Amino acid sequence: MRQILVPAFVLLSSFCVGVSFAGDSVSRIGESGEFLELEFQVNGQRSKGSLPLYRAEAVRYFSAGVGIEERSAEYPPFSLKLVFTAGGKPFLAGVAVTIQPATGSPAINIPQEHVNGPWLFVDLPSGTYHVTAIHAARTQGLKGIQLEAGKTKTVHLRWSEDRVSAAPSGEAVGR
């Protein structure tokens, strides 16, 4: 009986905490088309925030997933959602991404400076794509990702562990 009650209590507690902090979170593309506007509820009050909306040629993309407000928001149906993790951590930012259409069209390059959270949403047309992602000089790649416009496909890219950690002075050191 205890084996059932403990997981049920943990699940119920997690749900209640998420509801009390975030409430309903929604997002929409701002009027200028240069940012994604987030509207969320914290402790009973409505708040707003924004995320930069970038472009690589005609392809729009944005990074999100930091904080409970971003994690609980409903986002526009961009066709590709990349999720980055390393060493079991739910958060990995600073990933450089190259998306190559299988048709041989020019690649889409997303610099690591534009990936400030563990999620990267990319608004690609329907088709097949190959993705290469680089973090801390380590590469992950996936080929043959099939996308449909208007439907979000979530793809996870996992690194086994971080190669770089912060020294007490704040400098990056290799492991």
Protein backbone atom coordinates (compact mmCIF):
# COMPACT_ATOMS: atom_id res chain seq x y z
CA MET A 1 0.00 0.00 0.00
CA ARG A 2 2.83 2.39 0.89
CA GLN A 3 4.35 1.82 -2.58
CA ILE A 4 1.19 3.27 -4.13
CA LEU A 5 0.61 6.12 -1.67
CA VAL A 6 4.07 7.71 -1.81
CA PRO A 7 4.17 8.15 -5.63
CA ALA A 8 0.53 9.33 -5.61
CA PHE A 9 1.32 11.93 -2.93
CA VAL A 10 4.40 13.15 -4.83
CA LEU A 11 2.40 13.46 -8.05
CA LEU A 12 -0.45 15.33 -6.32
CA SER A 13 2.02 17.66 -4.54
CA SER A 14 3.80 18.46 -7.81
CA PHE A 15 0.50 19.25 -9.50
CA CYS A 16 -0.68 21.52 -6.69
CA VAL A 17 2.63 23.44 -6.55
CA GLY A 18 2.56 24.00 -10.34
CA VAL A 19 -0.99 25.30 -10.22
CA SER A 20 -0.37 27.66 -7.31
CA PHE A 21 2.66 29.29 -8.91
CA ALA A 22 1.89 29.43 -12.61
CA GLY A 23 -1.81 29.25 -13.26
CA ASP A 24 -2.70 29.58 -16.94
CA SER A 25 0.16 30.72 -19.17
CA VAL A 26 -0.40 31.71 -22.78
CA SER A 27 1.89 33.06 -25.46
CA ARG A 28 1.38 34.87 -28.72
CA ILE A 29 3.57 36.48 -31.30
CA GLY A 30 3.82 40.22 -30.62
CA GLU A 31 2.52 42.78 -33.11
CA SER A 32 6.01 43.63 -34.37
CA GLY A 33 6.82 39.96 -35.00
CA GLU A 34 10.11 40.41 -33.11
CA PHE A 35 9.09 38.83 -29.81
CA LEU A 36 6.82 36.26 -28.24
CA GLU A 37 4.58 37.75 -25.56
CA LEU A 38 3.91 35.59 -22.48
CA GLU A 39 0.99 36.20 -20.16
CA PHE A 40 0.84 34.25 -16.92
CA GLN A 41 -0.53 34.30 -13.40
CA VAL A 42 1.67 34.36 -10.30
CA ASN A 43 0.13 34.38 -6.82
CA GLY A 44 -3.21 35.48 -8.23
CA GLN A 45 -1.85 38.40 -10.28
CA ARG A 46 -1.53 38.56 -14.08
CA SER A 47 1.98 39.27 -15.34
CA LYS A 48 3.57 39.63 -18.75
CA GLY A 49 6.97 38.80 -20.16
CA SER A 50 8.51 38.34 -23.56
CA LEU A 51 10.97 36.16 -25.44
CA PRO A 52 12.92 37.28 -28.51
CA LEU A 53 11.67 35.84 -31.80
CA TYR A 54 14.58 35.36 -34.20
CA ARG A 55 14.77 34.72 -37.95
CA ALA A 56 17.18 32.75 -40.09
CA GLU A 57 16.12 33.66 -43.63
CA ALA A 58 12.34 32.98 -43.68
CA VAL A 59 12.42 30.60 -40.67
CA ARG A 60 11.32 31.91 -37.26
CA TYR A 61 12.56 30.42 -33.99
CA PHE A 62 12.70 31.13 -30.25
CA SER A 63 14.14 29.57 -27.12
CA ALA A 64 12.13 28.96 -23.92
CA GLY A 65 11.69 26.59 -20.98
CA VAL A 66 13.29 28.59 -18.16
CA GLY A 67 11.07 28.89 -15.09
CA ILE A 68 7.63 27.49 -14.40
CA GLU A 69 5.89 30.25 -16.36
CA GLU A 70 7.71 29.33 -19.58
CA ARG A 71 7.39 25.60 -18.95
CA SER A 72 3.63 25.79 -18.44
CA ALA A 73 2.87 28.16 -21.35
CA GLU A 74 1.06 27.12 -24.49
CA TYR A 75 3.15 28.11 -27.52
CA PRO A 76 2.32 28.69 -31.18
CA PRO A 77 2.42 25.41 -33.17
CA PHE A 78 5.95 25.70 -34.57
CA SER A 79 6.71 22.40 -36.33
CA LEU A 80 9.88 21.49 -34.38
CA LYS A 81 10.59 21.62 -30.66
CA LEU A 82 14.12 20.60 -29.67
CA VAL A 83 14.72 19.75 -25.99
CA PHE A 84 18.32 19.86 -24.72
CA THR A 85 19.58 17.98 -21.63
CA ALA A 86 22.97 16.84 -20.30
CA GLY A 87 23.85 14.46 -17.51
CA GLY A 88 20.21 14.08 -16.53
CA LYS A 89 19.75 17.82 -15.99
CA PRO A 90 16.46 19.27 -17.23
CA PHE A 91 18.14 22.47 -18.39
CA LEU A 92 20.79 22.98 -21.02
CA ALA A 93 21.27 26.29 -22.84
CA GLY A 94 23.92 27.69 -25.17
CA VAL A 95 23.50 25.02 -27.85
CA ALA A 96 24.39 25.88 -31.45
CA VAL A 97 22.04 24.21 -33.93
CA THR A 98 22.19 23.54 -37.68
CA ILE A 99 19.09 22.29 -39.45
CA GLN A 100 19.63 20.89 -42.93
CA PRO A 101 16.62 20.23 -45.17
CA ALA A 102 16.90 16.76 -46.78
CA THR A 103 16.12 18.40 -50.14
CA GLY A 104 19.55 20.01 -50.18
CA SER A 105 18.25 23.54 -49.61
CA PRO A 106 20.51 25.88 -47.60
CA ALA A 107 21.01 25.01 -43.93
CA ILE A 108 19.48 27.03 -41.09
CA ASN A 109 22.12 28.04 -38.54
CA ILE A 110 21.05 29.02 -35.03
CA PRO A 111 23.85 30.46 -32.88
CA GLN A 112 24.27 29.36 -29.28
CA GLU A 113 23.65 32.95 -28.13
CA HIS A 114 20.03 32.60 -29.29
CA VAL A 115 19.43 29.44 -27.24
CA ASN A 116 18.89 30.71 -23.69
CA GLY A 117 16.76 27.82 -22.49
CA PRO A 118 16.42 24.06 -22.84
CA TRP A 119 13.71 24.32 -25.51
CA LEU A 120 14.14 25.57 -29.06
CA PHE A 121 11.01 26.03 -31.20
CA VAL A 122 11.59 26.29 -34.97
CA ASP A 123 8.84 27.17 -37.48
CA LEU A 124 9.81 24.99 -40.46
CA PRO A 125 7.74 24.04 -43.48
CA SER A 126 6.64 20.42 -43.88
CA GLY A 127 9.49 18.16 -44.92
CA THR A 128 12.38 16.01 -43.76
CA TYR A 129 15.32 17.53 -41.87
CA HIS A 130 18.67 16.60 -40.35
CA VAL A 131 19.62 18.33 -37.08
CA THR A 132 23.11 18.84 -35.67
CA ALA A 133 23.54 20.41 -32.22
CA ILE A 134 26.81 21.38 -30.53
CA HIS A 135 27.32 22.04 -26.82
CA ALA A 136 30.70 22.28 -25.07
CA ALA A 137 32.45 21.05 -28.27
CA ARG A 138 30.35 17.85 -28.28
CA THR A 139 27.99 17.10 -31.15
CA GLN A 140 24.63 15.36 -31.27
CA GLY A 141 22.80 14.69 -34.51
CA LEU A 142 19.55 13.27 -35.79
CA LYS A 143 18.65 12.50 -39.39
CA GLY A 144 15.35 12.06 -41.14
CA ILE A 145 13.09 14.09 -38.85
CA GLN A 146 9.69 14.30 -40.56
CA LEU A 147 7.75 17.52 -39.88
CA GLU A 148 4.24 18.71 -40.70
CA ALA A 149 3.39 22.41 -40.66
CA GLY A 150 0.91 23.28 -37.89
CA LYS A 151 1.89 20.23 -35.78
CA THR A 152 4.70 20.34 -33.23
CA LYS A 153 7.14 17.40 -33.21
CA THR A 154 9.26 17.21 -30.04
CA VAL A 155 12.78 15.83 -30.37
CA HIS A 156 15.15 15.30 -27.42
CA LEU A 157 18.91 15.76 -27.77
CA ARG A 158 20.80 14.40 -24.76
CA TRP A 159 24.46 14.68 -23.89
CA SER A 160 25.65 12.08 -21.38
CA GLU A 161 27.29 14.71 -19.14
CA ASP A 162 28.61 18.26 -19.10
CA ARG A 163 32.25 18.52 -20.12
CA VAL A 164 32.67 22.02 -18.74
CA SER A 165 31.86 23.13 -15.22
CA ALA A 166 32.35 26.37 -13.37
CA ALA A 167 35.33 26.84 -11.06
CA PRO A 168 34.78 28.72 -7.78
CA SER A 169 36.12 31.84 -9.53
CA GLY A 170 33.42 31.52 -12.23
CA GLU A 171 35.88 30.45 -14.95
CA ALA A 172 34.99 27.45 -17.10
CA VAL A 173 37.15 24.38 -16.51
CA GLY A 174 37.19 21.09 -18.41
CA ARG A 175 36.57 17.76 -16.75
